[in-house]
Amino acid sequence: MLMKRSMFCATCFLFLLSSTALAQFPVIDAEQMKTKLEGKQKVLVVDARTFEEYQQGHIPGAINIFANDIKSSSAKLPKDKKAPIIFYCRGME
């Protein structure tokens, strides 16, 4: 239930480190995310909310990297630039 709620409530998107990258990475919805997670290719899921929000509940297997810490936490991300990464947050209120 928590995973379903998190996936439904969260806006799934790829965080981009530059505006040029914006055109290269699609925004996906919860159903597309579910399909990717159930697929054969391993996908890294990053919860970009605060640590407190992450502790309250998150998608199983997701790691927590707060949005403001993406650059400083790049060591937690795959070195393979083609490895799929899905970032999500709570979205706009």
Protein backbone atom coordinates (compact mmCIF):
# COMPACT_ATOMS: atom_id res chain seq x y z
CA MET A 1 0.00 0.00 0.00
CA LEU A 2 2.76 2.43 0.95
CA MET A 3 4.66 1.72 -2.27
CA LYS A 4 1.52 2.18 -4.35
CA ARG A 5 0.66 5.39 -2.52
CA SER A 6 4.21 6.69 -2.85
CA MET A 7 4.27 5.89 -6.54
CA PHE A 8 0.87 7.47 -7.08
CA CYS A 9 1.57 10.58 -5.04
CA ALA A 10 5.13 11.09 -6.18
CA THR A 11 5.87 12.88 -9.37
CA CYS A 12 8.31 10.63 -11.10
CA PHE A 13 10.92 12.44 -13.04
CA LEU A 14 14.55 12.43 -13.87
CA PHE A 15 16.58 15.10 -12.13
CA LEU A 16 18.77 16.83 -14.60
CA LEU A 17 22.08 18.40 -13.82
CA SER A 18 21.95 20.72 -16.82
CA SER A 19 19.26 22.28 -18.97
CA THR A 20 20.74 20.57 -22.03
CA ALA A 21 20.00 17.21 -20.47
CA LEU A 22 16.34 18.14 -20.09
CA ALA A 23 15.55 17.22 -23.68
CA GLN A 24 17.30 13.84 -23.33
CA PHE A 25 15.36 12.46 -20.35
CA PRO A 26 11.62 11.94 -20.23
CA VAL A 27 9.30 12.61 -17.36
CA ILE A 28 7.45 9.41 -16.54
CA ASP A 29 4.28 8.69 -14.64
CA ALA A 30 3.72 6.11 -11.89
CA GLU A 31 2.52 3.41 -14.29
CA GLN A 32 5.60 3.80 -16.49
CA MET A 33 7.78 3.66 -13.39
CA LYS A 34 6.12 0.45 -12.28
CA THR A 35 6.78 -1.07 -15.69
CA LYS A 36 10.46 -0.08 -15.51
CA LEU A 37 10.83 -1.49 -11.99
CA GLU A 38 9.28 -4.79 -13.07
CA GLY A 39 11.47 -5.00 -16.18
CA LYS A 40 14.61 -7.04 -16.67
CA GLN A 41 16.99 -4.08 -16.63
CA LYS A 42 18.14 -2.94 -13.19
CA VAL A 43 16.97 0.58 -12.37
CA LEU A 44 18.27 2.79 -9.57
CA VAL A 45 15.47 4.64 -7.80
CA VAL A 46 16.40 7.82 -5.95
CA ASP A 47 14.03 9.48 -3.48
CA ALA A 48 14.89 13.18 -3.71
CA ARG A 49 12.83 14.23 -0.69
CA THR A 50 14.24 15.19 2.68
CA PHE A 51 15.60 12.46 4.94
CA GLU A 52 12.63 12.90 7.27
CA GLU A 53 10.17 12.37 4.42
CA TYR A 54 12.17 9.36 3.21
CA GLN A 55 12.01 7.85 6.72
CA GLN A 56 8.22 8.26 6.79
CA GLY A 57 7.91 6.00 3.76
CA HIS A 58 9.56 5.40 0.41
CA ILE A 59 9.52 3.07 -2.55
CA PRO A 60 11.26 -0.17 -1.53
CA GLY A 61 14.86 -0.25 -2.73
CA ALA A 62 15.05 3.52 -3.26
CA ILE A 63 18.06 5.38 -1.95
CA ASN A 64 17.72 8.85 -0.47
CA ILE A 65 19.58 11.77 -2.00
CA PHE A 66 17.97 15.10 -1.20
CA ALA A 67 17.51 17.23 -4.32
CA ASN A 68 19.96 19.90 -3.13
CA ASP A 69 22.65 17.24 -2.59
CA ILE A 70 22.61 15.59 -6.03
CA LYS A 71 25.98 16.95 -7.16
CA SER A 72 27.74 16.28 -3.86
CA SER A 73 26.28 12.76 -3.72
CA SER A 74 27.19 11.76 -7.27
CA ALA A 75 29.36 8.90 -5.93
CA LYS A 76 26.12 7.11 -4.99
CA LEU A 77 25.02 7.15 -8.63
CA PRO A 78 26.13 4.59 -11.24
CA LYS A 79 29.31 5.42 -13.12
CA ASP A 80 27.72 4.03 -16.30
CA LYS A 81 26.11 7.08 -17.91
CA LYS A 82 23.58 4.82 -19.67
CA ALA A 83 22.35 3.17 -16.48
CA PRO A 84 18.71 4.07 -15.88
CA ILE A 85 18.00 6.21 -12.84
CA ILE A 86 14.55 7.30 -11.72
CA PHE A 87 14.34 10.26 -9.37
CA TYR A 88 11.12 11.05 -7.55
CA CYS A 89 9.91 13.57 -5.00
CA ARG A 90 6.61 14.56 -3.44
CA GLY A 91 5.84 16.88 -6.35
CA MET A 92 4.25 20.27 -6.26
CA GLU A 93 1.64 21.04 -3.65
